[in-house]
Protein backbone atom coordinates (compact mmCIF):
# COMPACT_ATOMS: atom_id res chain seq x y z
CA MET A 1 -23.30 4.92 18.19
CA ARG A 2 -23.66 8.55 16.90
CA TYR A 3 -21.35 11.38 17.00
CA ASN A 4 -22.66 14.42 18.74
CA SER A 5 -21.29 17.48 17.04
CA VAL A 6 -19.25 19.02 20.26
CA TYR A 7 -17.30 15.30 20.36
CA LEU A 8 -16.55 15.93 16.67
CA LEU A 9 -15.66 19.55 16.93
CA LYS A 10 -13.24 19.10 20.06
CA ARG A 11 -11.42 16.20 18.17
CA LEU A 12 -11.00 18.08 14.83
CA GLY A 13 -10.11 21.26 16.98
CA PHE A 14 -7.22 19.43 18.80
CA ALA A 15 -5.85 17.93 15.54
CA PHE A 16 -5.74 21.53 13.98
CA ILE A 17 -4.09 23.00 16.97
CA THR A 18 -1.53 20.16 17.06
CA LEU A 19 -0.74 20.56 13.27
CA TYR A 20 -0.26 23.86 13.96
CA VAL A 21 2.26 23.87 16.48
CA ALA A 22 3.87 20.94 14.36
CA ILE A 23 4.07 23.22 11.43
CA THR A 24 5.51 25.73 13.62
CA LEU A 25 8.22 23.82 14.95
CA ASN A 26 9.14 22.40 11.56
CA PHE A 27 9.73 25.86 10.72
CA LEU A 28 12.13 26.61 13.26
CA LEU A 29 13.91 23.74 13.82
CA PRO A 30 15.85 23.46 10.35
CA ARG A 31 17.03 27.07 10.78
CA LEU A 32 18.48 26.60 14.22
CA MET A 33 20.91 24.37 12.19
CA GLY A 34 22.46 27.83 11.24
CA GLY A 35 24.45 27.61 7.59
CA ASP A 36 23.77 29.01 4.48
CA PRO A 37 22.37 27.10 2.03
CA ALA A 38 22.23 29.43 -0.60
CA SER A 39 26.09 29.99 -0.71
CA ALA A 40 26.64 26.24 -0.74
CA LEU A 41 24.61 25.21 -3.47
CA ALA A 42 26.12 28.40 -5.31
CA SER A 43 29.53 26.91 -4.63
CA GLU A 44 28.81 23.75 -6.30
CA LYS A 45 26.78 24.80 -9.49
CA ALA A 46 27.98 28.47 -9.91
CA LEU A 47 31.40 28.68 -8.49
CA GLY A 48 30.24 30.75 -5.08
CA SER A 49 28.79 33.62 -7.65
CA GLN A 50 27.58 36.16 -5.26
CA GLU A 51 24.98 36.88 -8.05
CA VAL A 52 23.78 33.28 -8.03
CA VAL A 53 23.59 33.59 -4.68
CA LYS A 54 21.57 36.56 -4.28
CA ALA A 55 19.41 34.94 -6.85
CA LEU A 56 18.96 31.59 -4.78
CA LYS A 57 18.25 33.65 -1.55
CA ALA A 58 14.98 35.42 -3.24
CA GLN A 59 13.86 31.92 -4.85
CA PHE A 60 14.29 30.27 -1.37
CA GLY A 61 12.77 33.29 0.42
CA LEU A 62 16.27 33.67 2.28
CA ASP A 63 16.81 37.12 1.06
CA ASN A 64 14.98 38.80 4.02
CA PRO A 65 16.80 37.59 7.54
CA SER A 66 13.32 38.01 9.43
CA LEU A 67 12.16 35.09 10.58
CA LEU A 68 8.85 36.34 10.69
CA TYR A 69 8.72 37.30 6.90
CA GLN A 70 10.13 33.72 6.40
CA TYR A 71 7.79 32.42 8.01
CA ALA A 72 4.62 34.11 6.67
CA LYS A 73 6.04 33.23 3.47
CA TYR A 74 6.28 29.59 4.51
CA LEU A 75 2.56 29.36 5.73
CA ASN A 76 1.81 31.18 2.51
CA GLN A 77 3.26 28.29 0.41
CA LEU A 78 1.67 25.59 2.53
CA LEU A 79 -1.98 27.11 2.31
CA HIS A 80 -1.16 26.80 -1.67
CA GLY A 81 -0.03 23.40 -1.50
CA ASN A 82 3.45 24.47 -2.11
CA LEU A 83 6.52 22.64 -0.01
CA GLY A 84 8.85 24.65 -1.86
CA VAL A 85 12.07 23.48 -4.18
CA SER A 86 14.67 21.13 -2.72
CA TYR A 87 18.14 23.01 -2.37
CA ALA A 88 19.72 19.87 -2.51
CA ASN A 89 17.87 18.31 -5.62
CA TYR A 90 17.46 21.89 -7.41
CA PRO A 91 15.66 22.41 -9.17
CA SER A 92 13.12 19.66 -8.36
CA PRO A 93 9.88 20.48 -5.97
CA VAL A 94 10.05 19.12 -2.48
CA ALA A 95 6.97 17.26 -3.57
CA ASP A 96 8.55 15.37 -6.34
CA VAL A 97 11.28 14.21 -4.14
CA MET A 98 8.88 12.82 -1.31
CA VAL A 99 6.47 11.50 -4.13
CA LYS A 100 9.66 9.20 -4.92
CA ALA A 101 10.29 8.23 -1.48
CA LEU A 102 6.75 7.84 0.10
CA PRO A 103 6.19 4.43 -1.75
CA TRP A 104 8.87 2.83 -0.13
CA THR A 105 8.42 4.05 3.54
CA PHE A 106 4.64 3.08 3.14
CA GLY A 107 5.39 -0.11 1.66
CA THR A 108 7.82 -0.90 4.55
CA VAL A 109 6.09 0.70 7.27
CA LEU A 110 2.39 -0.65 6.40
CA THR A 111 3.92 -4.13 5.86
CA ALA A 112 5.97 -4.41 9.11
CA THR A 113 3.11 -2.84 11.39
CA LEU A 114 0.58 -5.32 10.32
CA LEU A 115 2.74 -8.47 10.72
CA SER A 116 4.24 -7.05 14.04
CA TYR A 117 0.87 -6.59 15.30
CA LEU A 118 -0.54 -9.95 14.21
CA VAL A 119 2.37 -11.97 15.62
CA GLY A 120 2.47 -9.52 18.82
CA TRP A 121 -1.56 -10.25 19.56
CA LEU A 122 -0.93 -14.15 18.86
CA ILE A 123 2.10 -14.31 21.34
CA GLY A 124 0.09 -12.06 23.61
CA ILE A 125 -2.81 -14.17 23.57
CA ARG A 126 -0.88 -17.32 24.47
CA GLY A 127 1.00 -15.65 27.20
CA ALA A 128 -1.92 -14.38 29.00
CA TRP A 129 -3.55 -17.37 28.66
CA LYS A 130 -0.58 -19.49 30.06
CA ALA A 131 0.55 -17.17 32.60
CA GLY A 132 3.39 -17.83 34.68
CA SER A 133 4.54 -20.79 32.07
CA LEU A 134 7.94 -20.89 30.67
CA PHE A 135 6.57 -19.79 27.38
CA ASP A 136 5.10 -16.35 28.99
CA ASN A 137 8.04 -15.68 31.00
CA SER A 138 10.38 -16.15 28.11
CA THR A 139 8.50 -13.78 25.82
CA LEU A 140 8.16 -11.29 28.40
CA PHE A 141 11.82 -11.33 29.02
CA THR A 142 12.33 -11.08 25.23
CA ALA A 143 9.66 -8.26 25.02
CA PHE A 144 11.19 -6.23 28.00
CA PHE A 145 14.55 -6.57 26.52
CA LEU A 146 13.69 -5.95 22.78
CA ASN A 147 11.44 -2.89 24.00
CA SER A 148 14.74 -1.05 25.12
CA VAL A 149 16.69 -1.43 22.19
CA PRO A 150 16.69 1.10 19.59
CA PHE A 151 15.59 0.52 15.93
CA PHE A 152 18.96 1.75 14.57
CA TRP A 153 20.94 -0.83 16.86
CA ILE A 154 18.48 -3.86 15.62
CA ALA A 155 19.19 -3.07 11.89
CA ILE A 156 22.91 -2.64 12.42
CA ILE A 157 23.14 -6.10 13.90
CA PHE A 158 20.83 -7.86 11.29
CA ILE A 159 22.92 -6.15 8.76
CA MET A 160 26.31 -7.34 10.28
CA ILE A 161 24.80 -10.87 10.43
CA PHE A 162 22.42 -11.29 7.61
CA SER A 163 23.95 -9.34 5.12
CA PHE A 164 27.89 -9.24 5.64
CA TYR A 165 28.82 -12.20 7.27
CA LEU A 166 26.19 -14.76 5.83
CA GLU A 167 25.67 -12.64 2.44
CA TRP A 168 21.96 -13.87 2.68
CA PHE A 169 20.38 -10.50 1.66
CA PRO A 170 22.02 -7.28 -0.04
CA LEU A 171 23.71 -4.51 2.07
CA GLY A 172 21.64 -2.01 1.20
CA GLN A 173 19.60 0.04 -1.60
CA ALA A 174 15.85 -0.98 -2.82
CA ILE A 175 16.65 -2.55 -6.02
CA ASP A 176 19.39 -4.09 -8.04
CA PRO A 177 21.19 -2.16 -10.52
CA GLY A 178 19.96 -2.39 -13.90
CA ILE A 179 16.26 -2.99 -12.94
CA ASP A 180 14.96 -1.32 -15.81
CA SER A 181 15.76 -4.25 -18.10
CA PHE A 182 14.15 -6.97 -15.70
CA SER A 183 10.94 -8.42 -16.38
CA ALA A 184 8.04 -7.84 -14.57
CA LEU A 185 8.44 -10.68 -12.13
CA ASP A 186 12.23 -10.24 -11.75
CA LYS A 187 11.76 -6.56 -10.76
CA ILE A 188 8.65 -7.65 -7.98
CA LYS A 189 11.61 -10.24 -6.73
CA SER A 190 14.45 -7.73 -6.47
CA VAL A 191 12.09 -5.34 -4.62
CA LEU A 192 11.04 -7.92 -2.14
CA TYR A 193 14.34 -9.25 -1.65
CA HIS A 194 15.84 -6.09 -0.68
CA ALA A 195 12.91 -5.15 1.25
CA PHE A 196 12.83 -8.07 3.47
CA LEU A 197 15.72 -6.98 6.06
CA PRO A 198 14.22 -3.56 6.73
CA VAL A 199 10.71 -5.15 6.92
CA PHE A 200 12.12 -7.72 9.22
CA THR A 201 14.02 -5.32 11.41
CA LEU A 202 10.84 -3.27 11.98
CA ILE A 203 8.60 -6.23 13.02
CA ILE A 204 11.26 -7.02 15.64
CA ALA A 205 11.88 -3.63 16.77
CA THR A 206 8.08 -3.20 17.26
CA LEU A 207 7.00 -6.51 18.11
CA ALA A 208 7.75 -6.09 22.08
CA GLY A 209 5.18 -3.17 22.57
CA HIS A 210 2.41 -5.29 20.91
CA ILE A 211 3.25 -8.33 23.07
CA LEU A 212 3.13 -6.30 26.37
CA VAL A 213 -0.03 -4.22 25.40
CA LEU A 214 -2.08 -7.23 24.48
CA ARG A 215 -1.18 -9.63 27.23
CA ASN A 216 -2.03 -6.83 29.53
CA ASN A 217 -5.10 -6.24 28.03
CA LEU A 218 -6.18 -9.83 28.34
CA MET A 219 -4.93 -10.29 31.60
CA ARG A 220 -7.13 -7.77 32.85
CA VAL A 221 -10.00 -8.83 30.80
CA LEU A 222 -9.67 -12.58 31.96
CA SER A 223 -10.37 -11.28 35.61
CA GLU A 224 -13.69 -10.05 34.83
CA ASP A 225 -16.97 -11.58 36.41
CA TYR A 226 -18.02 -12.40 32.93
CA MET A 227 -14.97 -14.59 32.18
CA LEU A 228 -15.76 -16.56 35.66
CA LEU A 229 -19.42 -16.59 34.32
CA ALA A 230 -18.35 -18.19 31.27
CA LYS A 231 -16.28 -20.53 32.76
CA ALA A 232 -18.83 -21.61 35.27
CA LYS A 233 -21.31 -21.96 32.37
CA GLY A 234 -19.18 -24.70 31.03
CA LEU A 235 -17.85 -22.87 27.70
CA SER A 236 -15.04 -24.22 25.98
CA ALA A 237 -11.33 -22.85 26.59
CA ALA A 238 -11.17 -21.70 22.69
CA ARG A 239 -14.34 -19.86 23.01
CA ARG A 240 -13.77 -17.94 26.28
CA LYS A 241 -10.13 -17.38 25.02
CA TYR A 242 -11.21 -15.86 21.47
CA ALA A 243 -14.94 -15.37 21.55
CA TYR A 244 -14.78 -13.06 25.00
CA GLY A 245 -11.27 -12.52 26.03
CA ALA A 246 -9.24 -12.02 22.77
CA ARG A 247 -12.44 -10.06 21.52
CA ASN A 248 -12.46 -7.56 24.45
CA ALA A 249 -8.72 -7.20 25.00
CA LEU A 250 -8.32 -5.97 21.24
CA LEU A 251 -10.26 -3.21 21.38
CA PRO A 252 -7.84 -1.20 23.42
CA SER A 253 -5.40 -2.12 21.23
CA PHE A 254 -6.79 -0.89 18.13
CA THR A 255 -5.80 2.86 19.50
CA GLY A 256 -2.41 1.58 19.69
CA PHE A 257 -2.60 0.23 16.74
CA MET A 258 -3.31 3.42 14.87
CA THR A 259 -0.85 5.52 16.75
CA SER A 260 1.92 2.78 16.13
CA LEU A 261 1.84 3.66 12.57
CA GLY A 262 3.47 7.21 13.27
CA HIS A 263 5.81 5.69 15.64
CA VAL A 264 7.00 3.40 13.24
CA ILE A 265 7.35 6.00 10.21
CA GLY A 266 9.68 7.41 13.06
CA GLY A 267 11.48 4.32 13.57
CA ALA A 268 11.51 3.55 9.88
CA ILE A 269 14.01 6.79 9.60
CA THR A 270 17.13 5.04 11.09
CA THR A 271 16.35 1.85 9.69
CA GLU A 272 16.34 3.26 6.23
CA ILE A 273 19.48 5.33 7.12
CA VAL A 274 21.24 1.87 8.04
CA PHE A 275 20.17 0.15 4.87
CA SER A 276 20.49 3.12 2.58
CA TYR A 277 16.63 2.31 1.95
CA PRO A 278 15.47 5.29 -0.46
CA GLY A 279 12.07 6.17 1.68
CA VAL A 280 11.78 9.32 3.70
CA GLY A 281 14.32 8.46 6.41
CA LEU A 282 17.29 7.99 3.80
CA VAL A 283 15.78 11.83 2.10
CA THR A 284 15.33 13.17 5.67
CA PHE A 285 18.74 12.42 6.76
CA ASN A 286 20.46 13.66 3.28
CA ALA A 287 18.48 16.80 3.76
CA ILE A 288 19.75 17.48 6.98
CA LEU A 289 23.41 16.85 5.66
CA ASN A 290 23.07 19.43 3.09
CA HIS A 291 20.82 22.17 5.22
CA ASP A 292 17.93 21.72 2.83
CA TYR A 293 15.52 23.28 4.93
CA PRO A 294 12.25 22.82 2.63
CA LEU A 295 12.92 19.16 2.21
CA ILE A 296 13.51 18.84 5.84
CA GLN A 297 10.40 20.46 6.65
CA GLY A 298 8.74 18.40 3.82
CA SER A 299 9.61 15.01 5.60
CA PHE A 300 8.79 16.18 9.06
CA LEU A 301 5.45 17.54 8.18
CA PHE A 302 4.84 14.24 6.80
CA ILE A 303 5.89 12.25 9.91
CA ALA A 304 3.94 15.20 12.07
CA VAL A 305 0.79 14.96 9.64
CA SER A 306 0.83 10.82 9.62
CA VAL A 307 0.92 10.96 13.94
CA ILE A 308 -2.07 13.61 13.81
CA VAL A 309 -4.18 11.71 11.43
CA CYS A 310 -3.75 8.15 12.96
CA ASN A 311 -4.51 9.77 15.91
CA LEU A 312 -7.75 11.27 14.73
CA ILE A 313 -9.00 8.10 12.96
CA ALA A 314 -8.49 6.34 16.37
CA ASP A 315 -10.22 8.79 18.18
CA LEU A 316 -13.07 8.76 15.63
CA VAL A 317 -13.50 5.14 14.86
CA TYR A 318 -12.89 3.83 18.63
CA PRO A 319 -16.41 5.15 20.00
CA LEU A 320 -17.98 3.27 16.98
CA ILE A 321 -16.27 -0.47 17.77
CA ASP A 322 -16.52 -0.12 21.48
CA PRO A 323 -20.31 1.55 22.38
CA ARG A 324 -18.77 1.65 26.18
CA VAL A 325 -16.98 4.82 25.31
CA ALA A 326 -18.30 7.88 26.09
CA LEU A 327 -18.75 10.92 23.80
CA ASN A 328 -17.43 14.10 25.80
C-alpha cells in the first residue's frame, strides 16, 4: 500500500503539534515548583555569594523574571540542539547527563517490553483458544489484578522478597563497585545480575495488558466467518490457531506494542527510583529534588519524544502490515 501525501502530512502535522504542546508544558511545569536553583547552587559552591548568584542566573537564563523571555530562550536553545546546563551537575551539560543514563533505561525497557509481549501473546493465545477453562479464568483473574497494581508497588515487593529477605539479588545500583578492574565477562555478568530484578519487575507490571489485549483480539477473530469456514474445511487446530487466528489478532496489537514503549519508559521511572538504577528515572527524580529545571526538561522531553515517535511509527507502519486500513 502506498501512502498518499495528505495522510502523511496529516500524521506528521499531528506529531509536530503534539511535540510543541509537550515542549511548552515541559517548560512550564518545572517552574511551577518554585524555588531558586541559582541561590541553592551558590550556597553549595560559593557560600551563598550574591555575585555568584547573579552570574548563575544570567547563565541559566533566570536573570529576567519574564516567563516569555525564558520561554523564547528555551525554544531557541532547543532549535540549536542545546538542552542547557544541569544545575545539580554544574557545569555538565544536560545532554551529557542524559547520554550516560539513556543506555541503562533503553536496555531495561526494550528487554522488558519484548519479553513481556512475547509471554503475553503466548498466554493470551492459549487463553482465548481455551476460553472458559481453568487456565483462562486464572490468567484473567491474575491479569486484572496486576493491571491495577502500580509499577513501584511491584518493585518494592520484589526488592523486599528477592533482595532483602532471600538476598538473591542486590538491593540497588546497576553494577558492582570496582567494576573497572573486572574482566569483560565479569562486567557483563555484573550488569545482567543487577538488571534482572528491574527487568523482571517491568515484565510483570506490563504483562497483564498484553494478555488482555491479545485474548480479546483473538476472541473476536475466532468468531469471524472465515474461522468457521476453516474449521468446516477440516484444517488442523494448530493451523487455524496460528496461521489464521493469531496472525490476524496480532495486527491490532502492533499499535499497542509501539505505544507501550513510551508507557513502559514512564513506568521505568518509578522502578529505577526503587532500585536506585542509574537510568532516566533516577536522573529525573534527583533533578526534581534539586529543582534542576534543564535536567527535568531534558528528561521529560525524552519521554514525550519517545511516546510521540512510537505513535508516529505505528501510524505509518500499520497500514503497510494491514492493507484493510484506509488511509484518510
